[in-house]
Amino acid sequence: MTDTTAGQAQVQAQTQVQAPVQAADPARERLRRWRLVLGGDQADGTGCTLTGRDAAMDGALAALYGKADKPQAGRERSAGLGASAPSVARWLGDIRDYFPSSVVQVMQRDAIDRLGLASLLLEPEMLQAVEPDVHLVGTLLSLHKAMPETTRETARAVVRKVVEELEKRLATRTRATLAGALDRSARVRRPRHHDIDWNRTIAANLKHYLPEYRTVVPERLIGYGRAARSVKKEVVLCIDQSGSMAASVVYASVFGAVLASMRSISTRLVVFDTAVVDLTDQLDDPVDVLFGTQLGGGTDINRALAYCQGRITRPAETVVVLISDLYEGGIRDEMLKRVAAMKASGVQFVALLALSDEGAPAYDREHAAALAALGAPAFACTPDLFPEVMAAALEKRPLPIPDPV
């Protein structure tokens, strides 16, 4: 039997790759599917022999998830693609042929982790064969300082493809959500008819309900303010660039570029490890932002917050978003004092343990509890939820914190 990760990938693979074969014998089809999941060791108990495409698919899985230390039944199943770039490139081509992209991305990630293939990504031919995704971008960013010049342009092309796909998915909804929040945060008392906020107007005038007419006669109208051309809010994204935060760095860079494109929001993007780097001047191109990061190293949250705090000019109109697993290598008490001081001055402070689809990573629970005690609960946030979190922060209302799993 393979381990849990391998088993999950194999289950995904055999159930998603192709529509189930319309077998005349349902029992035989079940055995076939179990054989693909279990991997053909002597203990699989299926007695099923694979042929054709099924055998090729099983071989691709075996190259990654097979166990060399177990007795084999029938065909040899041994883990390893070798250190040969051509054989790995062929394998990458095979899995893209057999499996859907979501499964390919899982298998690529496992190949890098289990078989140590990261160094092969320094070769342009390898990069052209992989399926781009957020996790691959994180791996490339961690390697880019070591990349030869011939590989860097290929790597940038891979990163740009992922970034453009994320922008296409996230940008429109983010702008619409935040534009609405900005308008609602600037309500007026004498609105034009199409600018009236009817929900709040009715709530404010319930005492003027006329039972005989079964209606409310509003004496006071509440409306949305029109979006002004001047800057209404300031947003500071403060991003931990330690190695475990790779996916969060990718998403935060894309969101930073989207926010920077909105005229009524002034956006600053800061990344940190033990040093602090301000990448605000590169926000027009998130690919440049990503290649300006340096994944790995230590963490000094206090120093990063000190830098951000020193650049806040309108605290009551500022949202600071700290994205970090909270493993502080700096001065813990000073970090908490800075958060308390920012909140006391009117800053809306948001602490995200991760900005990714995977949920919360390992994080410092003591620091998370200390932030919660200051009124800044720390939680993991998916990219799809992030616009709602930002809208709530801009409007100074409770954050939509997801229920813990």
Protein backbone atom coordinates (compact mmCIF):
# COMPACT_ATOMS: atom_id res chain seq x y z
CA MET A 1 0.00 0.00 0.00
CA THR A 2 1.18 3.50 -0.67
CA ASP A 3 1.21 6.23 2.00
CA THR A 4 -1.74 8.61 2.52
CA THR A 5 -0.58 11.28 0.09
CA ALA A 6 0.19 8.78 -2.61
CA GLY A 7 -3.11 7.01 -2.02
CA GLN A 8 -5.07 10.23 -2.31
CA ALA A 9 -3.33 11.12 -5.55
CA GLN A 10 -3.99 7.67 -6.96
CA VAL A 11 -7.64 7.82 -5.97
CA GLN A 12 -7.91 11.23 -7.65
CA ALA A 13 -6.11 9.95 -10.68
CA GLN A 14 -8.13 6.82 -11.31
CA THR A 15 -11.48 8.49 -10.61
CA GLN A 16 -10.91 11.73 -12.55
CA VAL A 17 -8.79 10.79 -15.51
CA GLN A 18 -11.35 9.24 -17.72
CA ALA A 19 -15.03 8.51 -17.58
CA PRO A 20 -15.63 5.05 -16.11
CA VAL A 21 -15.48 2.35 -18.71
CA GLN A 22 -18.95 0.98 -19.37
CA ALA A 23 -17.93 -2.51 -18.41
CA ALA A 24 -20.30 -5.38 -19.02
CA ASP A 25 -19.36 -6.72 -15.59
CA PRO A 26 -19.70 -4.07 -12.80
CA ALA A 27 -17.75 -6.29 -10.40
CA ARG A 28 -14.84 -6.41 -12.85
CA GLU A 29 -14.91 -2.62 -13.18
CA ARG A 30 -14.76 -2.24 -9.41
CA LEU A 31 -11.73 -4.55 -9.30
CA ARG A 32 -10.05 -2.52 -12.04
CA ARG A 33 -10.56 0.71 -10.12
CA TRP A 34 -9.32 -0.78 -6.86
CA ARG A 35 -6.28 -2.18 -8.66
CA LEU A 36 -5.39 1.31 -9.86
CA VAL A 37 -5.78 2.69 -6.35
CA LEU A 38 -3.87 -0.05 -4.50
CA GLY A 39 -0.97 -0.23 -6.90
CA GLY A 40 -0.57 -3.94 -7.57
CA ASP A 41 1.34 -5.09 -4.50
CA GLN A 42 0.78 -8.70 -3.49
CA ALA A 43 -1.60 -7.58 -0.75
CA ASP A 44 -3.94 -5.69 -3.07
CA GLY A 45 -6.13 -8.79 -3.32
CA THR A 46 -7.74 -7.87 -6.63
CA GLY A 47 -6.13 -10.42 -8.91
CA CYS A 48 -6.73 -7.87 -11.68
CA THR A 49 -4.26 -7.43 -14.55
CA LEU A 50 -4.06 -4.06 -16.26
CA THR A 51 -3.51 -3.65 -19.98
CA GLY A 52 -3.22 -0.85 -22.50
CA ARG A 53 -3.86 2.68 -21.22
CA ASP A 54 -4.58 1.42 -17.71
CA ALA A 55 -1.16 -0.24 -17.54
CA ALA A 56 0.55 2.93 -18.81
CA MET A 57 -1.33 5.03 -16.26
CA ASP A 58 -0.32 2.62 -13.52
CA GLY A 59 3.29 2.85 -14.64
CA ALA A 60 3.25 6.66 -14.38
CA LEU A 61 1.86 6.40 -10.84
CA ALA A 62 4.38 3.67 -9.95
CA ALA A 63 7.32 5.84 -11.01
CA LEU A 64 6.32 8.35 -8.35
CA TYR A 65 4.50 6.39 -5.65
CA GLY A 66 5.83 2.82 -5.97
CA LYS A 67 7.62 1.18 -3.06
CA ALA A 68 11.02 -0.32 -3.80
CA ASP A 69 11.24 -2.12 -0.45
CA LYS A 70 8.18 -4.34 -0.91
CA PRO A 71 7.89 -7.64 -2.80
CA GLN A 72 6.26 -7.06 -6.13
CA ALA A 73 3.50 -8.94 -7.91
CA GLY A 74 3.57 -9.16 -11.67
CA ARG A 75 5.12 -5.90 -12.80
CA GLU A 76 7.93 -4.17 -10.97
CA ARG A 77 6.85 -1.09 -8.99
CA SER A 78 9.80 0.94 -7.81
CA ALA A 79 9.83 4.61 -6.90
CA GLY A 80 12.10 6.76 -8.95
CA LEU A 81 12.39 8.70 -12.14
CA GLY A 82 16.14 8.84 -11.89
CA ALA A 83 18.08 12.05 -12.25
CA SER A 84 17.68 12.07 -16.00
CA ALA A 85 15.98 15.17 -17.34
CA PRO A 86 14.81 13.40 -20.54
CA SER A 87 13.12 10.60 -18.55
CA VAL A 88 11.45 13.11 -16.24
CA ALA A 89 10.33 15.19 -19.21
CA ARG A 90 8.77 12.08 -20.78
CA TRP A 91 7.05 11.27 -17.48
CA LEU A 92 5.68 14.82 -17.27
CA GLY A 93 4.32 14.46 -20.77
CA ASP A 94 2.73 11.12 -19.89
CA ILE A 95 0.91 12.36 -16.82
CA ARG A 96 -0.42 15.37 -18.73
CA ASP A 97 -1.80 12.91 -21.28
CA TYR A 98 -3.37 10.54 -18.74
CA PHE A 99 -4.61 12.87 -15.99
CA PRO A 100 -6.51 16.18 -15.68
CA SER A 101 -4.52 19.29 -14.76
CA SER A 102 -5.64 19.27 -11.10
CA VAL A 103 -4.15 15.78 -10.64
CA VAL A 104 -1.04 16.67 -12.68
CA GLN A 105 -0.36 19.57 -10.33
CA VAL A 106 -0.58 17.28 -7.29
CA MET A 107 1.77 14.74 -8.88
CA GLN A 108 4.29 17.40 -9.91
CA ARG A 109 4.33 18.76 -6.37
CA ASP A 110 4.80 15.26 -4.94
CA ALA A 111 7.60 14.53 -7.42
CA ILE A 112 9.47 17.63 -6.29
CA ASP A 113 8.98 16.74 -2.61
CA ARG A 114 9.48 12.95 -2.77
CA LEU A 115 12.10 12.56 -5.47
CA GLY A 116 14.10 15.77 -5.17
CA LEU A 117 13.45 17.02 -8.68
CA ALA A 118 13.65 20.73 -7.86
CA SER A 119 17.11 21.10 -9.40
CA LEU A 120 15.81 19.86 -12.76
CA LEU A 121 13.50 22.90 -12.90
CA LEU A 122 16.62 24.94 -13.58
CA GLU A 123 16.56 23.53 -17.13
CA PRO A 124 14.36 25.38 -19.68
CA GLU A 125 13.23 22.12 -21.31
CA MET A 126 11.83 20.90 -18.00
CA LEU A 127 9.92 24.13 -17.36
CA GLN A 128 8.29 23.88 -20.77
CA ALA A 129 6.98 20.41 -19.87
CA VAL A 130 5.38 21.19 -16.50
CA GLU A 131 1.79 22.20 -15.74
CA PRO A 132 1.94 25.73 -14.24
CA ASP A 133 0.22 26.28 -10.87
CA VAL A 134 0.61 28.35 -7.71
CA HIS A 135 2.80 25.78 -5.95
CA LEU A 136 5.13 25.49 -8.92
CA VAL A 137 5.48 29.28 -8.89
CA GLY A 138 6.47 29.10 -5.23
CA THR A 139 9.14 26.51 -6.04
CA LEU A 140 10.49 28.61 -8.92
CA LEU A 141 10.66 31.71 -6.73
CA SER A 142 12.69 29.81 -4.15
CA LEU A 143 15.10 28.70 -6.92
CA HIS A 144 15.29 31.81 -9.06
CA LYS A 145 18.50 33.17 -7.50
CA ALA A 146 20.23 29.97 -8.61
CA MET A 147 18.76 29.93 -12.11
CA PRO A 148 21.10 30.28 -15.07
CA GLU A 149 20.30 33.15 -17.41
CA THR A 150 18.99 30.74 -20.06
CA THR A 151 16.27 29.54 -17.67
CA ARG A 152 15.08 32.82 -16.19
CA GLU A 153 12.98 33.96 -19.13
CA THR A 154 11.27 30.59 -19.31
CA ALA A 155 10.61 30.74 -15.57
CA ARG A 156 9.14 34.26 -15.91
CA ALA A 157 6.86 33.01 -18.69
CA VAL A 158 5.61 30.18 -16.46
CA VAL A 159 5.03 32.59 -13.55
CA ARG A 160 3.30 35.12 -15.80
CA LYS A 161 0.91 32.48 -17.13
CA VAL A 162 -0.17 31.58 -13.58
CA VAL A 163 -0.46 35.24 -12.54
CA GLU A 164 -2.60 36.12 -15.55
CA GLU A 165 -4.92 33.19 -14.84
CA LEU A 166 -5.27 34.31 -11.20
CA GLU A 167 -5.94 37.91 -12.22
CA LYS A 168 -8.60 36.76 -14.66
CA ARG A 169 -10.25 34.73 -11.92
CA LEU A 170 -10.02 37.25 -9.08
CA ALA A 171 -9.74 40.82 -10.38
CA THR A 172 -13.29 41.64 -11.53
CA ARG A 173 -15.00 40.40 -8.39
CA THR A 174 -12.42 42.07 -6.14
CA ARG A 175 -12.84 45.46 -7.79
CA ALA A 176 -16.64 45.23 -7.72
CA THR A 177 -16.74 44.17 -4.06
CA LEU A 178 -14.33 46.83 -2.88
CA ALA A 179 -15.87 49.58 -4.99
CA GLY A 180 -19.21 48.84 -3.32
CA ALA A 181 -17.59 48.92 0.11
CA LEU A 182 -15.94 52.25 -0.62
CA ASP A 183 -19.23 53.75 -1.76
CA ARG A 184 -21.06 52.49 1.30
CA SER A 185 -18.38 53.90 3.58
CA ALA A 186 -19.13 57.40 2.22
CA ARG A 187 -22.87 57.67 2.81
CA VAL A 188 -24.69 60.94 2.21
CA ARG A 189 -27.87 62.29 3.80
CA ARG A 190 -29.40 63.90 0.72
CA PRO A 191 -28.92 61.25 -1.95
CA ARG A 192 -30.26 61.20 -5.45
CA HIS A 193 -33.01 58.65 -5.96
CA HIS A 194 -30.80 55.97 -7.54
CA ASP A 195 -28.19 56.45 -4.79
CA ILE A 196 -30.58 55.69 -1.89
CA ASP A 197 -29.55 52.84 0.40
CA TRP A 198 -33.07 51.48 0.91
CA ASN A 199 -32.19 48.88 3.55
CA ARG A 200 -30.65 51.47 5.87
CA THR A 201 -33.23 54.11 5.05
CA ILE A 202 -36.09 51.80 6.02
CA ALA A 203 -34.30 50.65 9.18
CA ALA A 204 -33.74 54.28 10.22
CA ASN A 205 -37.41 55.21 9.65
CA LEU A 206 -39.32 52.27 11.11
CA LYS A 207 -40.78 54.54 13.79
CA HIS A 208 -42.60 56.36 11.00
CA TYR A 209 -44.57 53.28 9.95
CA LEU A 210 -48.22 54.09 9.13
CA PRO A 211 -50.40 51.02 9.85
CA GLU A 212 -53.40 52.35 7.94
CA TYR A 213 -51.33 52.61 4.78
CA ARG A 214 -49.06 49.66 5.65
CA THR A 215 -46.01 51.62 4.66
CA VAL A 216 -43.08 53.59 6.04
CA VAL A 217 -42.89 57.32 5.35
CA PRO A 218 -39.16 58.11 5.48
CA GLU A 219 -38.23 61.43 7.00
CA ARG A 220 -34.51 60.83 6.57
CA LEU A 221 -32.86 59.34 3.49
CA ILE A 222 -29.54 57.49 3.64
CA GLY A 223 -27.63 57.05 0.43
CA TYR A 224 -24.39 55.80 -1.02
CA GLY A 225 -21.74 58.37 -1.76
CA ARG A 226 -20.44 58.47 -5.29
CA ALA A 227 -16.93 57.18 -5.77
CA ALA A 228 -14.59 60.11 -5.67
CA ARG A 229 -11.47 60.46 -7.71
CA SER A 230 -9.42 61.21 -4.60
CA VAL A 231 -7.94 58.46 -2.45
CA LYS A 232 -10.44 57.29 0.16
CA LYS A 233 -8.59 54.44 1.83
CA GLU A 234 -5.04 53.25 2.30
CA VAL A 235 -4.16 49.55 2.34
CA VAL A 236 -0.86 48.10 3.51
CA LEU A 237 -0.15 44.45 2.65
CA CYS A 238 2.62 43.16 4.92
CA ILE A 239 3.66 39.70 3.71
CA ASP A 240 5.83 37.11 5.43
CA GLN A 241 8.10 35.62 2.74
CA SER A 242 9.33 32.63 4.72
CA GLY A 243 9.33 29.40 2.72
CA SER A 244 6.05 28.05 4.16
CA MET A 245 4.17 31.14 2.90
CA ALA A 246 4.96 30.67 -0.81
CA ALA A 247 1.36 30.31 -2.04
CA SER A 248 0.28 33.26 0.13
CA VAL A 249 2.98 35.44 -1.42
CA VAL A 250 1.74 34.60 -4.91
CA TYR A 251 -1.91 35.41 -4.15
CA ALA A 252 -1.05 38.52 -2.14
CA SER A 253 1.03 39.89 -5.02
CA VAL A 254 -1.87 39.43 -7.43
CA PHE A 255 -4.32 41.09 -5.02
CA GLY A 256 -1.83 43.90 -4.42
CA ALA A 257 -1.73 44.63 -8.14
CA VAL A 258 -5.54 44.59 -8.32
CA LEU A 259 -5.86 46.99 -5.37
CA ALA A 260 -3.19 49.26 -6.83
CA SER A 261 -5.25 49.56 -10.01
CA MET A 262 -8.15 51.12 -8.05
CA ARG A 263 -7.89 54.91 -8.04
CA SER A 264 -9.61 55.37 -4.68
CA ILE A 265 -7.23 53.00 -2.80
CA SER A 266 -3.60 53.76 -2.09
CA THR A 267 -1.82 50.41 -1.82
CA ARG A 268 1.56 49.60 -0.28
CA LEU A 269 3.09 46.12 -0.50
CA VAL A 270 5.84 45.13 1.91
CA VAL A 271 7.55 41.73 2.15
CA PHE A 272 9.78 40.65 4.98
CA ASP A 273 11.90 37.94 6.53
CA THR A 274 14.54 39.32 8.89
CA ALA A 275 14.80 42.31 6.54
CA VAL A 276 12.03 44.46 5.09
CA VAL A 277 11.58 45.20 1.37
CA ASP A 278 9.04 47.69 0.02
CA LEU A 279 7.86 46.55 -3.43
CA THR A 280 5.17 49.19 -3.88
CA ASP A 281 6.84 50.72 -6.94
CA GLN A 282 6.56 47.37 -8.76
CA LEU A 283 2.85 46.82 -8.15
CA ASP A 284 1.92 47.54 -11.75
CA ASP A 285 3.38 44.10 -12.59
CA PRO A 286 2.86 41.31 -10.01
CA VAL A 287 5.46 39.17 -11.80
CA ASP A 288 8.10 41.79 -10.95
CA VAL A 289 6.81 41.77 -7.37
CA LEU A 290 7.17 38.00 -7.15
CA PHE A 291 10.69 38.00 -8.53
CA GLY A 292 11.51 40.74 -6.01
CA THR A 293 10.76 38.34 -3.15
CA GLN A 294 13.20 35.91 -1.63
CA LEU A 295 11.40 32.93 -0.12
CA GLY A 296 13.02 31.41 2.94
CA GLY A 297 15.03 32.78 5.81
CA GLY A 298 13.98 33.97 9.26
CA THR A 299 11.07 36.13 10.37
CA ASP A 300 10.97 39.53 12.11
CA ILE A 301 7.35 40.61 12.22
CA ASN A 302 8.07 43.42 14.66
CA ARG A 303 10.52 45.08 12.28
CA ALA A 304 8.09 44.76 9.37
CA LEU A 305 5.21 46.28 11.37
CA ALA A 306 7.49 49.09 12.54
CA TYR A 307 8.22 49.93 8.91
CA CYS A 308 4.53 49.86 7.98
CA GLN A 309 3.51 51.87 11.04
CA GLY A 310 5.99 54.60 10.12
CA ARG A 311 4.32 55.08 6.73
CA ILE A 312 0.73 55.44 7.94
CA THR A 313 -0.45 59.04 7.52
CA ARG A 314 -4.22 58.60 7.92
CA PRO A 315 -4.75 55.88 10.53
CA ALA A 316 -8.56 56.15 10.59
CA GLU A 317 -8.63 55.48 6.83
CA THR A 318 -5.97 52.74 6.77
CA VAL A 319 -6.22 48.93 6.66
CA VAL A 320 -3.09 46.93 7.52
CA VAL A 321 -3.14 43.27 6.42
CA LEU A 322 -0.46 41.09 8.01
CA ILE A 323 -0.10 37.73 6.21
CA SER A 324 2.09 35.46 8.33
CA ASP A 325 2.20 32.17 10.22
CA LEU A 326 3.19 34.34 13.23
CA TYR A 327 6.41 32.49 14.06
CA GLU A 328 8.16 35.60 15.33
CA GLY A 329 11.94 35.74 15.42
CA GLY A 330 11.97 39.35 16.58
CA ILE A 331 10.72 40.96 19.78
CA ARG A 332 7.32 39.46 20.57
CA ASP A 333 6.14 42.04 23.10
CA GLU A 334 7.09 44.92 20.81
CA MET A 335 5.18 43.31 17.96
CA LEU A 336 2.03 43.13 20.07
CA LYS A 337 2.49 46.70 21.31
CA ARG A 338 2.68 47.91 17.71
CA VAL A 339 -0.54 46.14 16.80
CA ALA A 340 -2.27 47.61 19.87
CA ALA A 341 -0.97 51.10 19.05
CA MET A 342 -2.14 50.90 15.44
CA LYS A 343 -5.60 49.76 16.49
CA ALA A 344 -5.81 52.50 19.14
CA SER A 345 -5.01 55.11 16.47
CA GLY A 346 -7.92 53.90 14.32
CA VAL A 347 -6.13 51.50 11.96
CA GLN A 348 -8.13 48.44 10.86
CA PHE A 349 -5.74 45.53 11.46
CA VAL A 350 -6.28 42.18 9.72
CA ALA A 351 -4.12 39.12 10.52
CA LEU A 352 -4.20 36.26 8.01
CA LEU A 353 -2.38 33.01 8.79
CA ALA A 354 -2.47 32.16 5.09
CA LEU A 355 -3.93 33.48 1.85
CA SER A 356 -4.29 30.25 -0.09
CA ASP A 357 -6.67 27.40 -0.92
CA GLU A 358 -5.00 24.98 1.49
CA GLY A 359 -6.24 26.42 4.79
CA ALA A 360 -4.14 27.32 7.81
CA PRO A 361 -0.55 26.04 7.86
CA ALA A 362 1.32 25.34 11.09
CA TYR A 363 1.27 28.61 12.99
CA ASP A 364 2.16 30.07 16.38
CA ARG A 365 -1.01 29.59 18.39
CA GLU A 366 0.21 31.66 21.33
CA HIS A 367 0.77 34.69 19.13
CA ALA A 368 -2.56 34.12 17.38
CA ALA A 369 -4.33 34.09 20.76
CA ALA A 370 -2.50 37.27 21.81
CA LEU A 371 -3.64 39.06 18.64
CA ALA A 372 -7.21 37.88 19.21
CA ALA A 373 -7.07 39.35 22.71
CA LEU A 374 -6.20 42.69 21.09
CA GLY A 375 -9.26 42.46 18.85
CA ALA A 376 -7.34 41.20 15.81
CA PRO A 377 -8.25 37.52 15.37
CA ALA A 378 -5.89 35.59 13.11
CA PHE A 379 -7.40 33.17 10.58
CA ALA A 380 -6.66 31.51 7.26
CA CYS A 381 -8.35 33.04 4.24
CA THR A 382 -9.01 31.61 0.80
CA PRO A 383 -8.49 33.84 -2.26
CA ASP A 384 -12.24 33.76 -2.93
CA LEU A 385 -13.00 35.10 0.57
CA PHE A 386 -10.33 37.81 0.54
CA PRO A 387 -12.46 40.47 -1.25
CA GLU A 388 -15.17 40.07 1.42
CA VAL A 389 -12.58 40.36 4.21
CA MET A 390 -11.18 43.54 2.67
CA ALA A 391 -14.66 45.00 2.11
CA ALA A 392 -15.53 44.42 5.78
CA ALA A 393 -12.27 46.03 6.89
CA LEU A 394 -12.83 49.07 4.66
CA GLU A 395 -16.34 49.51 6.07
CA LYS A 396 -15.14 48.92 9.65
CA ARG A 397 -17.57 46.09 10.27
CA PRO A 398 -16.92 42.58 11.70
CA LEU A 399 -14.73 40.40 9.51
CA PRO A 400 -16.31 37.32 7.88
CA ILE A 401 -14.13 34.84 9.74
CA PRO A 402 -14.68 31.29 8.43
CA ASP A 403 -15.69 28.60 10.89
CA PRO A 404 -12.76 26.39 11.96
CA VAL A 405 -12.72 23.01 10.28
